[in-house]
mmCIF file of all heavy atoms, coordinates in Angstrom:
data_MODEL
# 
_entry.id   MODEL 
# 
loop_
_atom_site.group_PDB 
_atom_site.id 
_atom_site.type_symbol 
_atom_site.label_atom_id 
_atom_site.label_alt_id 
_atom_site.label_comp_id 
_atom_site.label_asym_id 
_atom_site.label_entity_id 
_atom_site.label_seq_id 
_atom_site.pdbx_PDB_ins_code 
_atom_site.Cartn_x 
_atom_site.Cartn_y 
_atom_site.Cartn_z 
_atom_site.occupancy 
_atom_site.B_iso_or_equiv 
_atom_site.pdbx_formal_charge 
_atom_site.auth_seq_id 
_atom_site.auth_comp_id 
_atom_site.auth_asym_id 
_atom_site.auth_atom_id 
_atom_site.pdbx_PDB_model_num 
ATOM 1   N N   . TYR A 1 1  ? 0.834  -1.211 0.000   1.00 0.00 ? 1  TYR A N   1 
ATOM 2   C CA  . TYR A 1 1  ? 0.000  0.000  0.000   1.00 0.00 ? 1  TYR A CA  1 
ATOM 3   C C   . TYR A 1 1  ? 0.864  1.254  0.000   1.00 0.00 ? 1  TYR A C   1 
ATOM 4   O O   . TYR A 1 1  ? 0.612  2.195  -0.758  1.00 0.00 ? 1  TYR A O   1 
ATOM 5   C CB  . TYR A 1 1  ? -0.930 -0.010 1.211   1.00 0.00 ? 1  TYR A CB  1 
ATOM 6   C CG  . TYR A 1 1  ? -1.713 1.268  1.371   1.00 0.00 ? 1  TYR A CG  1 
ATOM 7   C CD1 . TYR A 1 1  ? -2.847 1.517  0.601   1.00 0.00 ? 1  TYR A CD1 1 
ATOM 8   C CD2 . TYR A 1 1  ? -1.309 2.246  2.292   1.00 0.00 ? 1  TYR A CD2 1 
ATOM 9   C CE1 . TYR A 1 1  ? -3.560 2.696  0.732   1.00 0.00 ? 1  TYR A CE1 1 
ATOM 10  C CE2 . TYR A 1 1  ? -2.010 3.430  2.431   1.00 0.00 ? 1  TYR A CE2 1 
ATOM 11  C CZ  . TYR A 1 1  ? -3.136 3.656  1.646   1.00 0.00 ? 1  TYR A CZ  1 
ATOM 12  O OH  . TYR A 1 1  ? -3.825 4.840  1.784   1.00 0.00 ? 1  TYR A OH  1 
ATOM 13  N N   . LEU A 1 2  ? 1.862  1.278  0.855   1.00 0.00 ? 2  LEU A N   1 
ATOM 14  C CA  . LEU A 1 2  ? 2.726  2.457  0.951   1.00 0.00 ? 2  LEU A CA  1 
ATOM 15  C C   . LEU A 1 2  ? 3.475  2.705  -0.347  1.00 0.00 ? 2  LEU A C   1 
ATOM 16  O O   . LEU A 1 2  ? 3.626  3.852  -0.783  1.00 0.00 ? 2  LEU A O   1 
ATOM 17  C CB  . LEU A 1 2  ? 3.714  2.275  2.107   1.00 0.00 ? 2  LEU A CB  1 
ATOM 18  C CG  . LEU A 1 2  ? 3.113  2.284  3.510   1.00 0.00 ? 2  LEU A CG  1 
ATOM 19  C CD1 . LEU A 1 2  ? 4.181  1.938  4.537   1.00 0.00 ? 2  LEU A CD1 1 
ATOM 20  C CD2 . LEU A 1 2  ? 2.492  3.638  3.826   1.00 0.00 ? 2  LEU A CD2 1 
ATOM 21  N N   . ILE A 1 3  ? 3.929  1.633  -0.993  1.00 0.00 ? 3  ILE A N   1 
ATOM 22  C CA  . ILE A 1 3  ? 4.651  1.770  -2.256  1.00 0.00 ? 3  ILE A CA  1 
ATOM 23  C C   . ILE A 1 3  ? 3.703  2.202  -3.374  1.00 0.00 ? 3  ILE A C   1 
ATOM 24  O O   . ILE A 1 3  ? 4.005  3.096  -4.162  1.00 0.00 ? 3  ILE A O   1 
ATOM 25  C CB  . ILE A 1 3  ? 5.351  0.447  -2.624  1.00 0.00 ? 3  ILE A CB  1 
ATOM 26  C CG1 . ILE A 1 3  ? 6.464  0.150  -1.613  1.00 0.00 ? 3  ILE A CG1 1 
ATOM 27  C CG2 . ILE A 1 3  ? 5.919  0.509  -4.038  1.00 0.00 ? 3  ILE A CG2 1 
ATOM 28  C CD1 . ILE A 1 3  ? 7.086  -1.224 -1.781  1.00 0.00 ? 3  ILE A CD1 1 
ATOM 29  N N   . TYR A 1 4  ? 2.519  1.583  -3.420  1.00 0.00 ? 4  TYR A N   1 
ATOM 30  C CA  . TYR A 1 4  ? 1.548  1.891  -4.475  1.00 0.00 ? 4  TYR A CA  1 
ATOM 31  C C   . TYR A 1 4  ? 1.090  3.344  -4.412  1.00 0.00 ? 4  TYR A C   1 
ATOM 32  O O   . TYR A 1 4  ? 0.904  4.004  -5.437  1.00 0.00 ? 4  TYR A O   1 
ATOM 33  C CB  . TYR A 1 4  ? 0.343  0.962  -4.366  1.00 0.00 ? 4  TYR A CB  1 
ATOM 34  C CG  . TYR A 1 4  ? -0.713 1.220  -5.417  1.00 0.00 ? 4  TYR A CG  1 
ATOM 35  C CD1 . TYR A 1 4  ? -0.544 0.768  -6.723  1.00 0.00 ? 4  TYR A CD1 1 
ATOM 36  C CD2 . TYR A 1 4  ? -1.866 1.942  -5.110  1.00 0.00 ? 4  TYR A CD2 1 
ATOM 37  C CE1 . TYR A 1 4  ? -1.491 1.019  -7.702  1.00 0.00 ? 4  TYR A CE1 1 
ATOM 38  C CE2 . TYR A 1 4  ? -2.819 2.202  -6.078  1.00 0.00 ? 4  TYR A CE2 1 
ATOM 39  C CZ  . TYR A 1 4  ? -2.633 1.744  -7.368  1.00 0.00 ? 4  TYR A CZ  1 
ATOM 40  O OH  . TYR A 1 4  ? -3.578 2.008  -8.331  1.00 0.00 ? 4  TYR A OH  1 
ATOM 41  N N   . THR A 1 5  ? 0.892  3.860  -3.224  1.00 0.00 ? 5  THR A N   1 
ATOM 42  C CA  . THR A 1 5  ? 0.416  5.230  -3.062  1.00 0.00 ? 5  THR A CA  1 
ATOM 43  C C   . THR A 1 5  ? 1.533  6.258  -3.092  1.00 0.00 ? 5  THR A C   1 
ATOM 44  O O   . THR A 1 5  ? 1.282  7.462  -3.016  1.00 0.00 ? 5  THR A O   1 
ATOM 45  C CB  . THR A 1 5  ? -0.360 5.375  -1.746  1.00 0.00 ? 5  THR A CB  1 
ATOM 46  O OG1 . THR A 1 5  ? 0.483  4.983  -0.646  1.00 0.00 ? 5  THR A OG1 1 
ATOM 47  C CG2 . THR A 1 5  ? -1.618 4.514  -1.754  1.00 0.00 ? 5  THR A CG2 1 
ATOM 48  N N   . GLY A 1 6  ? 2.777  5.790  -3.208  1.00 0.00 ? 6  GLY A N   1 
ATOM 49  C CA  . GLY A 1 6  ? 3.904  6.710  -3.268  1.00 0.00 ? 6  GLY A CA  1 
ATOM 50  C C   . GLY A 1 6  ? 4.329  7.265  -1.925  1.00 0.00 ? 6  GLY A C   1 
ATOM 51  O O   . GLY A 1 6  ? 5.195  8.145  -1.859  1.00 0.00 ? 6  GLY A O   1 
ATOM 52  N N   . LEU A 1 7  ? 3.752  6.754  -0.839  1.00 0.00 ? 7  LEU A N   1 
ATOM 53  C CA  . LEU A 1 7  ? 4.144  7.220  0.492   1.00 0.00 ? 7  LEU A CA  1 
ATOM 54  C C   . LEU A 1 7  ? 5.524  6.699  0.867   1.00 0.00 ? 7  LEU A C   1 
ATOM 55  O O   . LEU A 1 7  ? 6.211  7.294  1.700   1.00 0.00 ? 7  LEU A O   1 
ATOM 56  C CB  . LEU A 1 7  ? 3.108  6.776  1.531   1.00 0.00 ? 7  LEU A CB  1 
ATOM 57  C CG  . LEU A 1 7  ? 1.711  7.392  1.355   1.00 0.00 ? 7  LEU A CG  1 
ATOM 58  C CD1 . LEU A 1 7  ? 0.736  6.778  2.344   1.00 0.00 ? 7  LEU A CD1 1 
ATOM 59  C CD2 . LEU A 1 7  ? 1.776  8.912  1.540   1.00 0.00 ? 7  LEU A CD2 1 
ATOM 60  N N   . PHE A 1 8  ? 5.912  5.580  0.252   1.00 0.00 ? 8  PHE A N   1 
ATOM 61  C CA  . PHE A 1 8  ? 7.262  5.035  0.448   1.00 0.00 ? 8  PHE A CA  1 
ATOM 62  C C   . PHE A 1 8  ? 7.804  4.612  -0.899  1.00 0.00 ? 8  PHE A C   1 
ATOM 63  O O   . PHE A 1 8  ? 7.175  3.822  -1.611  1.00 0.00 ? 8  PHE A O   1 
ATOM 64  C CB  . PHE A 1 8  ? 7.235  3.848  1.410   1.00 0.00 ? 8  PHE A CB  1 
ATOM 65  C CG  . PHE A 1 8  ? 8.568  3.160  1.548   1.00 0.00 ? 8  PHE A CG  1 
ATOM 66  C CD1 . PHE A 1 8  ? 9.677  3.848  2.008   1.00 0.00 ? 8  PHE A CD1 1 
ATOM 67  C CD2 . PHE A 1 8  ? 8.711  1.825  1.204   1.00 0.00 ? 8  PHE A CD2 1 
ATOM 68  C CE1 . PHE A 1 8  ? 10.907 3.215  2.123   1.00 0.00 ? 8  PHE A CE1 1 
ATOM 69  C CE2 . PHE A 1 8  ? 9.932  1.180  1.325   1.00 0.00 ? 8  PHE A CE2 1 
ATOM 70  C CZ  . PHE A 1 8  ? 11.034 1.881  1.784   1.00 0.00 ? 8  PHE A CZ  1 
ATOM 71  N N   . ILE A 1 9  ? 8.956  5.168  -1.276  1.00 0.00 ? 9  ILE A N   1 
ATOM 72  C CA  . ILE A 1 9  ? 9.587  4.856  -2.552  1.00 0.00 ? 9  ILE A CA  1 
ATOM 73  C C   . ILE A 1 9  ? 10.936 4.196  -2.264  1.00 0.00 ? 9  ILE A C   1 
ATOM 74  O O   . ILE A 1 9  ? 11.914 4.875  -1.951  1.00 0.00 ? 9  ILE A O   1 
ATOM 75  C CB  . ILE A 1 9  ? 9.773  6.129  -3.399  1.00 0.00 ? 9  ILE A CB  1 
ATOM 76  C CG1 . ILE A 1 9  ? 8.396  6.759  -3.674  1.00 0.00 ? 9  ILE A CG1 1 
ATOM 77  C CG2 . ILE A 1 9  ? 10.494 5.817  -4.706  1.00 0.00 ? 9  ILE A CG2 1 
ATOM 78  C CD1 . ILE A 1 9  ? 8.456  8.091  -4.402  1.00 0.00 ? 9  ILE A CD1 1 
ATOM 79  N N   . PRO A 1 10 ? 10.993 2.852  -2.315  1.00 0.00 ? 10 PRO A N   1 
ATOM 80  C CA  . PRO A 1 10 ? 12.224 2.134  -1.928  1.00 0.00 ? 10 PRO A CA  1 
ATOM 81  C C   . PRO A 1 10 ? 13.464 2.585  -2.681  1.00 0.00 ? 10 PRO A C   1 
ATOM 82  O O   . PRO A 1 10 ? 14.559 2.650  -2.107  1.00 0.00 ? 10 PRO A O   1 
ATOM 83  C CB  . PRO A 1 10 ? 11.874 0.674  -2.251  1.00 0.00 ? 10 PRO A CB  1 
ATOM 84  C CG  . PRO A 1 10 ? 10.384 0.609  -2.220  1.00 0.00 ? 10 PRO A CG  1 
ATOM 85  C CD  . PRO A 1 10 ? 9.919  1.944  -2.730  1.00 0.00 ? 10 PRO A CD  1 
ATOM 86  N N   . ASN A 1 11 ? 13.308 2.905  -3.968  1.00 0.00 ? 11 ASN A N   1 
ATOM 87  C CA  . ASN A 1 11 ? 14.486 3.258  -4.769  1.00 0.00 ? 11 ASN A CA  1 
ATOM 88  C C   . ASN A 1 11 ? 15.168 4.536  -4.311  1.00 0.00 ? 11 ASN A C   1 
ATOM 89  O O   . ASN A 1 11 ? 16.318 4.789  -4.668  1.00 0.00 ? 11 ASN A O   1 
ATOM 90  C CB  . ASN A 1 11 ? 14.103 3.382  -6.248  1.00 0.00 ? 11 ASN A CB  1 
ATOM 91  C CG  . ASN A 1 11 ? 14.001 2.036  -6.918  1.00 0.00 ? 11 ASN A CG  1 
ATOM 92  O OD1 . ASN A 1 11 ? 14.563 1.050  -6.445  1.00 0.00 ? 11 ASN A OD1 1 
ATOM 93  N ND2 . ASN A 1 11 ? 13.292 1.968  -8.031  1.00 0.00 ? 11 ASN A ND2 1 
ATOM 94  N N   . LYS A 1 12 ? 14.484 5.350  -3.530  1.00 0.00 ? 12 LYS A N   1 
ATOM 95  C CA  . LYS A 1 12 ? 15.122 6.558  -3.008  1.00 0.00 ? 12 LYS A CA  1 
ATOM 96  C C   . LYS A 1 12 ? 16.317 6.221  -2.117  1.00 0.00 ? 12 LYS A C   1 
ATOM 97  O O   . LYS A 1 12 ? 17.216 7.050  -1.943  1.00 0.00 ? 12 LYS A O   1 
ATOM 98  C CB  . LYS A 1 12 ? 14.111 7.396  -2.223  1.00 0.00 ? 12 LYS A CB  1 
ATOM 99  C CG  . LYS A 1 12 ? 13.190 8.230  -3.082  1.00 0.00 ? 12 LYS A CG  1 
ATOM 100 C CD  . LYS A 1 12 ? 12.355 9.174  -2.226  1.00 0.00 ? 12 LYS A CD  1 
ATOM 101 C CE  . LYS A 1 12 ? 11.522 10.103 -3.084  1.00 0.00 ? 12 LYS A CE  1 
ATOM 102 N NZ  . LYS A 1 12 ? 10.717 11.044 -2.250  1.00 0.00 ? 12 LYS A NZ  1 
ATOM 103 N N   . LEU A 1 13 ? 16.309 5.009  -1.576  1.00 0.00 ? 13 LEU A N   1 
ATOM 104 C CA  . LEU A 1 13 ? 17.419 4.588  -0.712  1.00 0.00 ? 13 LEU A CA  1 
ATOM 105 C C   . LEU A 1 13 ? 18.727 4.493  -1.492  1.00 0.00 ? 13 LEU A C   1 
ATOM 106 O O   . LEU A 1 13 ? 19.805 4.533  -0.901  1.00 0.00 ? 13 LEU A O   1 
ATOM 107 C CB  . LEU A 1 13 ? 17.092 3.234  -0.066  1.00 0.00 ? 13 LEU A CB  1 
ATOM 108 C CG  . LEU A 1 13 ? 15.841 3.190  0.821   1.00 0.00 ? 13 LEU A CG  1 
ATOM 109 C CD1 . LEU A 1 13 ? 15.553 1.758  1.266   1.00 0.00 ? 13 LEU A CD1 1 
ATOM 110 C CD2 . LEU A 1 13 ? 16.003 4.103  2.025   1.00 0.00 ? 13 LEU A CD2 1 
ATOM 111 N N   . PHE A 1 14 ? 18.637 4.349  -2.836  1.00 0.00 ? 14 PHE A N   1 
ATOM 112 C CA  . PHE A 1 14 ? 19.835 4.215  -3.660  1.00 0.00 ? 14 PHE A CA  1 
ATOM 113 C C   . PHE A 1 14 ? 20.355 5.557  -4.180  1.00 0.00 ? 14 PHE A C   1 
ATOM 114 O O   . PHE A 1 14 ? 21.406 5.589  -4.819  1.00 0.00 ? 14 PHE A O   1 
ATOM 115 C CB  . PHE A 1 14 ? 19.543 3.306  -4.866  1.00 0.00 ? 14 PHE A CB  1 
ATOM 116 C CG  . PHE A 1 14 ? 19.188 1.891  -4.496  1.00 0.00 ? 14 PHE A CG  1 
ATOM 117 C CD1 . PHE A 1 14 ? 17.879 1.445  -4.587  1.00 0.00 ? 14 PHE A CD1 1 
ATOM 118 C CD2 . PHE A 1 14 ? 20.166 1.021  -4.059  1.00 0.00 ? 14 PHE A CD2 1 
ATOM 119 C CE1 . PHE A 1 14 ? 17.550 0.138  -4.256  1.00 0.00 ? 14 PHE A CE1 1 
ATOM 120 C CE2 . PHE A 1 14 ? 19.850 -0.289 -3.724  1.00 0.00 ? 14 PHE A CE2 1 
ATOM 121 C CZ  . PHE A 1 14 ? 18.535 -0.730 -3.819  1.00 0.00 ? 14 PHE A CZ  1 
ATOM 122 N N   . LEU A 1 15 ? 19.618 6.635  -3.927  1.00 0.00 ? 15 LEU A N   1 
ATOM 123 C CA  . LEU A 1 15 ? 20.015 7.928  -4.483  1.00 0.00 ? 15 LEU A CA  1 
ATOM 124 C C   . LEU A 1 15 ? 21.056 8.601  -3.593  1.00 0.00 ? 15 LEU A C   1 
ATOM 125 O O   . LEU A 1 15 ? 20.865 8.716  -2.379  1.00 0.00 ? 15 LEU A O   1 
ATOM 126 C CB  . LEU A 1 15 ? 18.798 8.842  -4.617  1.00 0.00 ? 15 LEU A CB  1 
ATOM 127 C CG  . LEU A 1 15 ? 17.620 8.320  -5.446  1.00 0.00 ? 15 LEU A CG  1 
ATOM 128 C CD1 . LEU A 1 15 ? 16.533 9.382  -5.513  1.00 0.00 ? 15 LEU A CD1 1 
ATOM 129 C CD2 . LEU A 1 15 ? 18.067 7.912  -6.841  1.00 0.00 ? 15 LEU A CD2 1 
ATOM 130 N N   . PRO A 1 16 ? 22.143 9.096  -4.182  1.00 0.00 ? 16 PRO A N   1 
ATOM 131 C CA  . PRO A 1 16 ? 23.120 9.842  -3.384  1.00 0.00 ? 16 PRO A CA  1 
ATOM 132 C C   . PRO A 1 16 ? 22.542 11.179 -2.939  1.00 0.00 ? 16 PRO A C   1 
ATOM 133 O O   . PRO A 1 16 ? 21.596 11.701 -3.537  1.00 0.00 ? 16 PRO A O   1 
ATOM 134 C CB  . PRO A 1 16 ? 24.293 10.033 -4.354  1.00 0.00 ? 16 PRO A CB  1 
ATOM 135 C CG  . PRO A 1 16 ? 23.685 9.928  -5.716  1.00 0.00 ? 16 PRO A CG  1 
ATOM 136 C CD  . PRO A 1 16 ? 22.541 8.957  -5.590  1.00 0.00 ? 16 PRO A CD  1 
ATOM 137 N N   . ARG A 1 17 ? 23.107 11.739 -1.889  1.00 0.00 ? 17 ARG A N   1 
ATOM 138 C CA  . ARG A 1 17 ? 22.589 13.001 -1.351  1.00 0.00 ? 17 ARG A CA  1 
ATOM 139 C C   . ARG A 1 17 ? 22.657 14.137 -2.357  1.00 0.00 ? 17 ARG A C   1 
ATOM 140 O O   . ARG A 1 17 ? 21.805 15.028 -2.368  1.00 0.00 ? 17 ARG A O   1 
ATOM 141 C CB  . ARG A 1 17 ? 23.365 13.380 -0.087  1.00 0.00 ? 17 ARG A CB  1 
ATOM 142 C CG  . ARG A 1 17 ? 23.100 12.467 1.106   1.00 0.00 ? 17 ARG A CG  1 
ATOM 143 C CD  . ARG A 1 17 ? 23.821 12.976 2.333   1.00 0.00 ? 17 ARG A CD  1 
ATOM 144 N NE  . ARG A 1 17 ? 23.548 12.131 3.496   1.00 0.00 ? 17 ARG A NE  1 
ATOM 145 C CZ  . ARG A 1 17 ? 24.058 12.348 4.708   1.00 0.00 ? 17 ARG A CZ  1 
ATOM 146 N NH1 . ARG A 1 17 ? 24.856 13.400 4.902   1.00 0.00 ? 17 ARG A NH1 1 
ATOM 147 N NH2 . ARG A 1 17 ? 23.762 11.543 5.700   1.00 0.00 ? 17 ARG A NH2 1 
ATOM 148 N N   . ASP A 1 18 ? 23.681 14.136 -3.197  1.00 0.00 ? 18 ASP A N   1 
ATOM 149 C CA  . ASP A 1 18 ? 23.861 15.218 -4.162  1.00 0.00 ? 18 ASP A CA  1 
ATOM 150 C C   . ASP A 1 18 ? 23.338 14.849 -5.545  1.00 0.00 ? 18 ASP A C   1 
ATOM 151 O O   . ASP A 1 18 ? 23.781 15.384 -6.561  1.00 0.00 ? 18 ASP A O   1 
ATOM 152 C CB  . ASP A 1 18 ? 25.339 15.604 -4.255  1.00 0.00 ? 18 ASP A CB  1 
ATOM 153 C CG  . ASP A 1 18 ? 26.226 14.420 -4.639  1.00 0.00 ? 18 ASP A CG  1 
ATOM 154 O OD1 . ASP A 1 18 ? 25.728 13.269 -4.624  1.00 0.00 ? 18 ASP A OD1 1 
ATOM 155 O OD2 . ASP A 1 18 ? 27.402 14.651 -4.967  1.00 0.00 ? 18 ASP A OD2 1 
ATOM 156 N N   . ALA A 1 19 ? 22.399 13.927 -5.607  1.00 0.00 ? 19 ALA A N   1 
ATOM 157 C CA  . ALA A 1 19 ? 21.871 13.451 -6.890  1.00 0.00 ? 19 ALA A CA  1 
ATOM 158 C C   . ALA A 1 19 ? 21.211 14.588 -7.668  1.00 0.00 ? 19 ALA A C   1 
ATOM 159 O O   . ALA A 1 19 ? 20.565 15.466 -7.095  1.00 0.00 ? 19 ALA A O   1 
ATOM 160 C CB  . ALA A 1 19 ? 20.863 12.335 -6.653  1.00 0.00 ? 19 ALA A CB  1 
ATOM 161 N N   . ILE A 1 20 ? 21.380 14.549 -8.991  1.00 0.00 ? 20 ILE A N   1 
ATOM 162 C CA  . ILE A 1 20 ? 20.706 15.491 -9.880  1.00 0.00 ? 20 ILE A CA  1 
ATOM 163 C C   . ILE A 1 20 ? 19.395 14.838 -10.297 1.00 0.00 ? 20 ILE A C   1 
ATOM 164 O O   . ILE A 1 20 ? 19.388 13.860 -11.038 1.00 0.00 ? 20 ILE A O   1 
ATOM 165 C CB  . ILE A 1 20 ? 21.582 15.824 -11.102 1.00 0.00 ? 20 ILE A CB  1 
ATOM 166 C CG1 . ILE A 1 20 ? 22.895 16.455 -10.639 1.00 0.00 ? 20 ILE A CG1 1 
ATOM 167 C CG2 . ILE A 1 20 ? 20.844 16.756 -12.061 1.00 0.00 ? 20 ILE A CG2 1 
ATOM 168 C CD1 . ILE A 1 20 ? 23.888 16.703 -11.767 1.00 0.00 ? 20 ILE A CD1 1 
ATOM 169 N N   . ILE A 1 21 ? 18.292 15.381 -9.816  1.00 0.00 ? 21 ILE A N   1 
ATOM 170 C CA  . ILE A 1 21 ? 16.986 14.749 -9.955  1.00 0.00 ? 21 ILE A CA  1 
ATOM 171 C C   . ILE A 1 21 ? 16.066 15.614 -10.812 1.00 0.00 ? 21 ILE A C   1 
ATOM 172 O O   . ILE A 1 21 ? 16.139 16.844 -10.788 1.00 0.00 ? 21 ILE A O   1 
ATOM 173 C CB  . ILE A 1 21 ? 16.360 14.519 -8.566  1.00 0.00 ? 21 ILE A CB  1 
ATOM 174 C CG1 . ILE A 1 21 ? 17.186 13.492 -7.783  1.00 0.00 ? 21 ILE A CG1 1 
ATOM 175 C CG2 . ILE A 1 21 ? 14.915 14.048 -8.669  1.00 0.00 ? 21 ILE A CG2 1 
ATOM 176 C CD1 . ILE A 1 21 ? 16.740 13.310 -6.362  1.00 0.00 ? 21 ILE A CD1 1 
ATOM 177 N N   . GLY A 1 22 ? 15.202 14.955 -11.585 1.00 0.00 ? 22 GLY A N   1 
ATOM 178 C CA  . GLY A 1 22 ? 14.238 15.681 -12.392 1.00 0.00 ? 22 GLY A CA  1 
ATOM 179 C C   . GLY A 1 22 ? 12.998 14.839 -12.649 1.00 0.00 ? 22 GLY A C   1 
ATOM 180 O O   . GLY A 1 22 ? 12.902 13.687 -12.224 1.00 0.00 ? 22 GLY A O   1 
ATOM 181 N N   . CYS A 1 23 ? 12.059 15.420 -13.387 1.00 0.00 ? 23 CYS A N   1 
ATOM 182 C CA  . CYS A 1 23 ? 10.807 14.737 -13.671 1.00 0.00 ? 23 CYS A CA  1 
ATOM 183 C C   . CYS A 1 23 ? 10.586 14.647 -15.174 1.00 0.00 ? 23 CYS A C   1 
ATOM 184 O O   . CYS A 1 23 ? 11.320 15.240 -15.960 1.00 0.00 ? 23 CYS A O   1 
ATOM 185 C CB  . CYS A 1 23 ? 9.639  15.482 -13.027 1.00 0.00 ? 23 CYS A CB  1 
ATOM 186 S SG  . CYS A 1 23 ? 9.389  17.150 -13.669 1.00 0.00 ? 23 CYS A SG  1 
ATOM 187 N N   . ASP A 1 24 ? 9.589  13.875 -15.588 1.00 0.00 ? 24 ASP A N   1 
ATOM 188 C CA  . ASP A 1 24 ? 9.125  13.921 -16.974 1.00 0.00 ? 24 ASP A CA  1 
ATOM 189 C C   . ASP A 1 24 ? 7.611  14.029 -16.951 1.00 0.00 ? 24 ASP A C   1 
ATOM 190 O O   . ASP A 1 24 ? 6.952  13.428 -16.105 1.00 0.00 ? 24 ASP A O   1 
ATOM 191 C CB  . ASP A 1 24 ? 9.611  12.718 -17.783 1.00 0.00 ? 24 ASP A CB  1 
ATOM 192 C CG  . ASP A 1 24 ? 9.136  11.386 -17.244 1.00 0.00 ? 24 ASP A CG  1 
ATOM 193 O OD1 . ASP A 1 24 ? 9.819  10.814 -16.380 1.00 0.00 ? 24 ASP A OD1 1 
ATOM 194 O OD2 . ASP A 1 24 ? 8.078  10.919 -17.688 1.00 0.00 ? 24 ASP A OD2 1 
# 
């Protein structure tokens, strides 16, 4: 439920603190 609703995104654990992030 948490993953489906976007309340918890497991892959964020792999992102470095200084990651360059964007959307599409």
